[in-house]
Amino acid sequence: MSGEKLHPFDSSGDALQVLRSISTIRKKQTILQRRRPHLLVDALVVENIESGMCTLKVSGYARGPPLNANMMVHLQGWTVRAIMSGAETSQTPSVIDTDMDCSDVEDEAGMDQFAADESFRTSPWDPKENLPDEYGKIHKFSNFKHTKKLVLTGIKKSYRFPGETTNCIPTGSYLTLHILDVPSTICGSLGENAPLVIFAILPHEEKMAVVNMVLQKHPSCKVPIKNKQNLVFQVGYRRFSARPIFSEHTNGNKFKMHRFVPAEGTFVLACLLQSCLLPLQFLFSESIQLVESA
């Protein structure tokens, strides 16, 4: 809210002043609402149900920046999935014990895959060697701050010059979105009268990346939270589950991993999820109980 102020409430004149302030107060938009086009759905229709898929028609007023027809949208409940913090499958080791008895080794050519290092301390180590194929889907930003600046500049330009943007729907327009090939189970869970907000995904926010977040444990939480424990996250408009890694928050280039979330002070949470342009509201919990906030 804008214009926060404490008012006395001892007389009828004070009561009128409070009512006058309530009638003129305006709600402040959050950063999530100012930077991302969104649609507050007031009508929802399900059509063309075939083979477990359907077409979802959502209607409402466009809010936030102008909505581009080429933008992807986020449907609540559809993108909820388990995102692992890393592959835990066994892989071929790069170092073996050469003192073992090799008399029973039939094929000596199989030892060629183990390249000897000149020095374990000073030899270069390729961080991209023998990685799983799934790691190829992880996007690495060459300059995240510059990418964020370009996206935010485009949003500010759409606010200032709405007529110059092409294929955009002006803010305040009443529109109907046709979302194709939606699982019928998702449509059944939404309901016709349930509140629903459709958010547009900004450029690069659909790409998977390793995200690091600085957090602090909520004082009311007394439950120990173990490292790599399955948790439910709410980052902005997205909700997902993951097994994050906790580490200390320092200025160096080497960070000690925590076995549990520290009771006091800040720490760093790292997990694999879709990239997001910060800042965003961030919550995660073990189940229903709130355990973290940032």
Protein backbone atom coordinates (compact mmCIF):
# COMPACT_ATOMS: atom_id res chain seq x y z
CA MET A 1 0.00 0.00 0.00
CA SER A 2 1.06 3.59 -0.57
CA GLY A 3 0.67 6.38 2.00
CA GLU A 4 1.03 4.30 5.18
CA LYS A 5 0.23 6.31 8.29
CA LEU A 6 -1.07 5.73 11.82
CA HIS A 7 -4.34 7.50 12.65
CA PRO A 8 -5.99 8.02 16.06
CA PHE A 9 -9.45 6.53 16.47
CA ASP A 10 -10.80 8.32 19.55
CA SER A 11 -13.60 10.45 18.11
CA SER A 12 -16.06 10.56 15.22
CA GLY A 13 -13.79 13.01 13.41
CA ASP A 14 -10.92 10.55 13.67
CA ALA A 15 -13.18 7.81 12.29
CA LEU A 16 -14.08 9.97 9.28
CA GLN A 17 -10.40 10.68 8.69
CA VAL A 18 -9.63 6.94 8.73
CA LEU A 19 -12.46 6.22 6.27
CA ARG A 20 -11.25 9.02 4.00
CA SER A 21 -7.73 7.59 4.03
CA ILE A 22 -9.03 4.09 3.25
CA SER A 23 -11.04 5.37 0.28
CA THR A 24 -8.04 7.14 -1.26
CA ILE A 25 -5.37 4.53 -0.60
CA ARG A 26 -3.90 2.68 -3.57
CA LYS A 27 -2.31 -0.74 -3.71
CA LYS A 28 1.32 -0.95 -4.76
CA GLN A 29 2.15 -3.47 -7.44
CA THR A 30 4.83 -6.00 -6.60
CA ILE A 31 7.93 -6.40 -8.76
CA LEU A 32 6.42 -9.62 -10.08
CA GLN A 33 3.31 -7.76 -11.26
CA ARG A 34 5.20 -4.76 -12.69
CA ARG A 35 7.69 -6.75 -14.76
CA ARG A 36 5.59 -9.64 -16.07
CA PRO A 37 2.38 -9.50 -18.13
CA HIS A 38 -0.33 -11.46 -16.38
CA LEU A 39 -4.00 -12.26 -16.75
CA LEU A 40 -6.40 -12.54 -13.81
CA VAL A 41 -8.81 -15.18 -15.09
CA ASP A 42 -12.51 -14.55 -14.55
CA ALA A 43 -13.82 -17.17 -17.02
CA LEU A 44 -12.48 -20.64 -17.78
CA VAL A 45 -13.83 -23.02 -20.43
CA VAL A 46 -12.57 -26.53 -21.32
CA GLU A 47 -13.14 -27.71 -24.90
CA ASN A 48 -12.13 -30.50 -27.31
CA ILE A 49 -11.34 -33.22 -24.79
CA GLU A 50 -9.61 -36.01 -26.75
CA SER A 51 -7.14 -38.71 -25.62
CA GLY A 52 -6.55 -37.09 -22.26
CA MET A 53 -5.79 -33.67 -23.81
CA CYS A 54 -8.01 -30.61 -24.16
CA THR A 55 -8.10 -26.94 -25.13
CA LEU A 56 -8.27 -24.46 -22.27
CA LYS A 57 -9.87 -21.06 -22.91
CA VAL A 58 -9.13 -18.46 -20.25
CA SER A 59 -10.56 -14.94 -20.33
CA GLY A 60 -9.69 -11.86 -18.32
CA TYR A 61 -8.12 -8.40 -18.33
CA ALA A 62 -4.46 -8.01 -19.29
CA ARG A 63 -2.36 -6.45 -16.54
CA GLY A 64 1.24 -5.42 -16.15
CA PRO A 65 3.35 -4.71 -19.27
CA PRO A 66 1.79 -5.24 -22.73
CA LEU A 67 1.37 -8.94 -23.49
CA ASN A 68 3.20 -10.14 -26.61
CA ALA A 69 1.55 -12.82 -28.71
CA ASN A 70 4.90 -14.64 -29.04
CA MET A 71 5.41 -15.00 -25.28
CA MET A 72 5.04 -18.32 -23.51
CA VAL A 73 2.66 -18.46 -20.55
CA HIS A 74 2.84 -20.33 -17.27
CA LEU A 75 -0.17 -22.41 -16.27
CA GLN A 76 -0.27 -23.12 -12.55
CA GLY A 77 -0.04 -26.81 -11.75
CA TRP A 78 1.18 -27.91 -15.17
CA THR A 79 4.90 -27.28 -14.71
CA VAL A 80 5.11 -28.75 -11.20
CA ARG A 81 7.74 -31.47 -11.45
CA ALA A 82 10.65 -32.90 -9.52
CA ILE A 83 13.95 -31.23 -10.39
CA MET A 84 17.02 -33.01 -9.08
CA SER A 85 20.00 -30.97 -7.93
CA GLY A 86 22.41 -33.36 -9.63
CA ALA A 87 22.81 -36.82 -11.08
CA GLU A 88 23.33 -39.44 -8.39
CA THR A 89 23.84 -42.38 -10.75
CA SER A 90 27.15 -44.16 -10.65
CA GLN A 91 29.60 -43.04 -13.30
CA THR A 92 32.95 -44.29 -14.51
CA PRO A 93 35.61 -43.05 -12.07
CA SER A 94 38.48 -40.97 -13.39
CA VAL A 95 40.91 -42.25 -10.74
CA ILE A 96 41.39 -45.90 -9.74
CA ASP A 97 43.66 -47.71 -7.31
CA THR A 98 46.62 -49.00 -9.33
CA ASP A 99 47.91 -51.09 -6.41
CA MET A 100 45.13 -53.66 -6.81
CA ASP A 101 45.82 -57.13 -8.16
CA CYS A 102 45.43 -56.94 -11.96
CA SER A 103 46.30 -60.57 -12.62
CA ASP A 104 42.67 -61.40 -13.39
CA VAL A 105 42.27 -58.58 -15.89
CA GLU A 106 41.68 -60.22 -19.26
CA ASP A 107 41.63 -57.15 -21.48
CA GLU A 108 44.43 -54.70 -20.76
CA ALA A 109 43.05 -52.34 -23.41
CA GLY A 110 40.25 -51.46 -21.00
CA MET A 111 42.81 -49.65 -18.86
CA ASP A 112 43.44 -47.10 -21.62
CA GLN A 113 40.40 -45.06 -20.59
CA PHE A 114 42.13 -44.10 -17.35
CA ALA A 115 44.54 -41.33 -18.33
CA ALA A 116 47.39 -40.77 -15.91
CA ASP A 117 47.95 -37.27 -14.56
CA GLU A 118 51.45 -35.85 -14.30
CA SER A 119 50.57 -34.21 -11.00
CA PHE A 120 47.37 -34.60 -9.01
CA ARG A 121 47.92 -31.14 -7.51
CA THR A 122 48.92 -29.04 -10.55
CA SER A 123 47.55 -30.90 -13.59
CA PRO A 124 44.58 -29.18 -15.30
CA TRP A 125 41.17 -30.78 -14.82
CA ASP A 126 38.55 -30.41 -17.53
CA PRO A 127 35.24 -29.72 -15.70
CA LYS A 128 33.21 -30.75 -18.79
CA GLU A 129 34.83 -34.16 -19.23
CA ASN A 130 32.60 -37.27 -19.11
CA LEU A 131 29.48 -35.37 -18.05
CA PRO A 132 26.02 -36.97 -18.40
CA ASP A 133 24.00 -36.11 -21.51
CA GLU A 134 21.38 -34.38 -19.34
CA TYR A 135 23.93 -31.72 -18.42
CA GLY A 136 23.79 -30.48 -22.03
CA LYS A 137 20.33 -29.07 -21.31
CA ILE A 138 21.67 -26.72 -18.64
CA HIS A 139 21.99 -23.16 -19.95
CA LYS A 140 25.01 -21.08 -18.95
CA PHE A 141 24.72 -17.29 -19.17
CA SER A 142 27.86 -15.58 -20.44
CA ASN A 143 26.81 -12.39 -18.60
CA PHE A 144 23.66 -12.72 -16.51
CA LYS A 145 23.61 -9.06 -15.43
CA HIS A 146 23.76 -7.88 -19.05
CA THR A 147 20.99 -10.30 -20.08
CA LYS A 148 18.80 -9.08 -17.23
CA LYS A 149 19.45 -5.45 -18.20
CA LEU A 150 18.38 -6.09 -21.81
CA VAL A 151 15.13 -7.77 -20.72
CA LEU A 152 14.25 -5.01 -18.24
CA THR A 153 15.05 -2.33 -20.84
CA GLY A 154 12.56 -3.95 -23.20
CA ILE A 155 9.90 -3.94 -20.47
CA LYS A 156 10.46 -0.23 -19.73
CA LYS A 157 10.26 0.56 -23.45
CA SER A 158 6.91 -1.25 -23.74
CA TYR A 159 5.58 0.90 -20.86
CA ARG A 160 6.78 4.19 -22.38
CA PHE A 161 5.97 3.49 -26.03
CA PRO A 162 3.14 0.94 -26.13
CA GLY A 163 2.23 1.87 -29.70
CA GLU A 164 5.68 0.99 -31.08
CA THR A 165 5.64 -2.61 -29.87
CA THR A 166 4.33 -5.10 -32.44
CA ASN A 167 2.04 -8.06 -31.77
CA CYS A 168 1.31 -6.73 -28.28
CA ILE A 169 -2.01 -6.51 -26.46
CA PRO A 170 -2.40 -3.21 -24.56
CA THR A 171 -2.74 -3.29 -20.81
CA GLY A 172 -6.37 -3.24 -19.69
CA SER A 173 -7.70 -5.11 -22.72
CA TYR A 174 -10.15 -7.97 -22.21
CA LEU A 175 -8.85 -11.04 -24.02
CA THR A 176 -9.25 -14.80 -24.31
CA LEU A 177 -6.25 -17.12 -24.46
CA HIS A 178 -6.55 -20.52 -26.17
CA ILE A 179 -4.07 -22.94 -24.58
CA LEU A 180 -3.80 -26.11 -26.66
CA ASP A 181 -2.89 -29.68 -25.63
CA VAL A 182 -3.45 -29.24 -21.91
CA PRO A 183 -3.75 -32.49 -19.89
CA SER A 184 -7.35 -33.02 -18.85
CA THR A 185 -6.21 -33.85 -15.31
CA ILE A 186 -4.83 -30.32 -14.96
CA CYS A 187 -8.07 -28.79 -16.23
CA GLY A 188 -10.07 -30.84 -13.74
CA SER A 189 -7.96 -29.63 -10.83
CA LEU A 190 -8.34 -25.96 -11.77
CA GLY A 191 -12.12 -25.75 -11.50
CA GLU A 192 -14.37 -23.12 -13.04
CA ASN A 193 -14.59 -20.93 -9.91
CA ALA A 194 -11.04 -21.38 -8.58
CA PRO A 195 -8.79 -18.28 -8.66
CA LEU A 196 -6.26 -18.48 -11.47
CA VAL A 197 -3.56 -16.09 -12.72
CA ILE A 198 -1.76 -16.69 -16.03
CA PHE A 199 1.75 -15.19 -16.09
CA ALA A 200 3.80 -14.60 -19.22
CA ILE A 201 7.34 -15.97 -19.14
CA LEU A 202 10.05 -13.42 -19.87
CA PRO A 203 12.86 -14.18 -22.35
CA HIS A 204 15.31 -16.86 -21.12
CA GLU A 205 13.11 -17.79 -18.15
CA GLU A 206 12.18 -21.10 -19.77
CA LYS A 207 15.82 -22.31 -19.79
CA MET A 208 17.18 -24.65 -17.14
CA ALA A 209 20.12 -23.31 -15.15
CA VAL A 210 21.92 -23.73 -11.84
CA VAL A 211 20.45 -21.05 -9.56
CA ASN A 212 22.10 -19.88 -6.33
CA MET A 213 20.06 -18.02 -3.72
CA VAL A 214 21.13 -16.42 -0.43
CA LEU A 215 18.65 -17.28 2.33
CA GLN A 216 18.22 -17.11 6.08
CA LYS A 217 16.32 -19.54 8.25
CA HIS A 218 13.06 -18.26 9.71
CA PRO A 219 13.30 -17.82 13.51
CA SER A 220 10.03 -19.68 14.09
CA CYS A 221 11.31 -22.85 12.42
CA LYS A 222 12.83 -25.34 14.86
CA VAL A 223 12.86 -28.35 12.51
CA PRO A 224 16.31 -29.42 11.22
CA ILE A 225 16.49 -29.32 7.42
CA LYS A 226 18.95 -31.80 5.96
CA ASN A 227 21.07 -31.23 2.88
CA LYS A 228 19.63 -32.74 -0.35
CA GLN A 229 16.25 -33.17 1.32
CA ASN A 230 13.20 -33.10 -0.94
CA LEU A 231 11.54 -29.67 -0.50
CA VAL A 232 8.69 -27.75 -2.13
CA PHE A 233 9.66 -24.35 -3.57
CA GLN A 234 7.60 -21.30 -4.50
CA VAL A 235 9.71 -18.90 -6.59
CA GLY A 236 7.58 -16.06 -7.90
CA TYR A 237 4.72 -17.72 -9.76
CA ARG A 238 6.42 -21.13 -10.09
CA ARG A 239 6.13 -24.07 -7.71
CA PHE A 240 8.31 -27.16 -7.91
CA SER A 241 10.10 -29.75 -5.81
CA ALA A 242 13.88 -30.23 -5.67
CA ARG A 243 16.73 -31.59 -3.57
CA PRO A 244 18.93 -28.50 -3.04
CA ILE A 245 22.49 -28.23 -1.76
CA PHE A 246 23.30 -25.87 1.14
CA SER A 247 26.68 -24.16 1.46
CA GLU A 248 28.22 -21.30 3.40
CA HIS A 249 27.97 -17.70 2.21
CA THR A 250 31.47 -16.21 2.03
CA ASN A 251 33.51 -13.95 -0.23
CA GLY A 252 36.03 -16.62 -1.28
CA ASN A 253 35.99 -18.96 -4.26
CA LYS A 254 35.65 -22.16 -2.21
CA PHE A 255 32.56 -22.85 -0.13
CA LYS A 256 31.98 -25.43 2.57
CA MET A 257 28.83 -27.51 2.20
CA HIS A 258 26.42 -27.62 5.15
CA ARG A 259 24.92 -30.93 6.24
CA PHE A 260 21.98 -29.02 7.72
CA VAL A 261 20.57 -25.51 7.32
CA PRO A 262 22.35 -23.28 9.86
CA ALA A 263 20.13 -21.96 12.63
CA GLU A 264 21.63 -18.45 12.41
CA GLY A 265 23.12 -16.38 9.63
CA THR A 266 22.78 -16.58 5.88
CA PHE A 267 23.58 -19.51 3.65
CA VAL A 268 23.51 -20.30 -0.08
CA LEU A 269 20.99 -22.67 -1.64
CA ALA A 270 21.87 -24.17 -5.03
CA CYS A 271 19.51 -26.19 -7.19
CA LEU A 272 18.66 -26.83 -10.82
CA LEU A 273 15.56 -25.03 -12.02
CA GLN A 274 14.28 -22.71 -14.70
CA SER A 275 16.15 -19.43 -14.66
CA CYS A 276 14.38 -16.39 -13.23
CA LEU A 277 15.10 -12.68 -13.27
CA LEU A 278 15.50 -11.60 -9.66
CA PRO A 279 14.36 -10.26 -7.31
CA LEU A 280 11.38 -12.54 -6.70
CA GLN A 281 9.42 -13.66 -3.67
CA PHE A 282 10.93 -16.96 -2.52
CA LEU A 283 9.48 -19.53 -0.14
CA PHE A 284 10.11 -23.21 0.42
CA SER A 285 8.70 -25.69 2.87
CA GLU A 286 8.97 -29.32 3.85
CA SER A 287 5.21 -29.75 3.54
CA ILE A 288 2.64 -27.19 4.66
CA GLN A 289 4.74 -25.62 7.41
CA LEU A 290 6.75 -22.58 6.33
CA VAL A 291 10.43 -23.12 7.03
CA GLU A 292 12.26 -20.53 4.92
CA SER A 293 11.69 -17.06 3.57
CA ALA A 294 13.80 -14.58 1.68
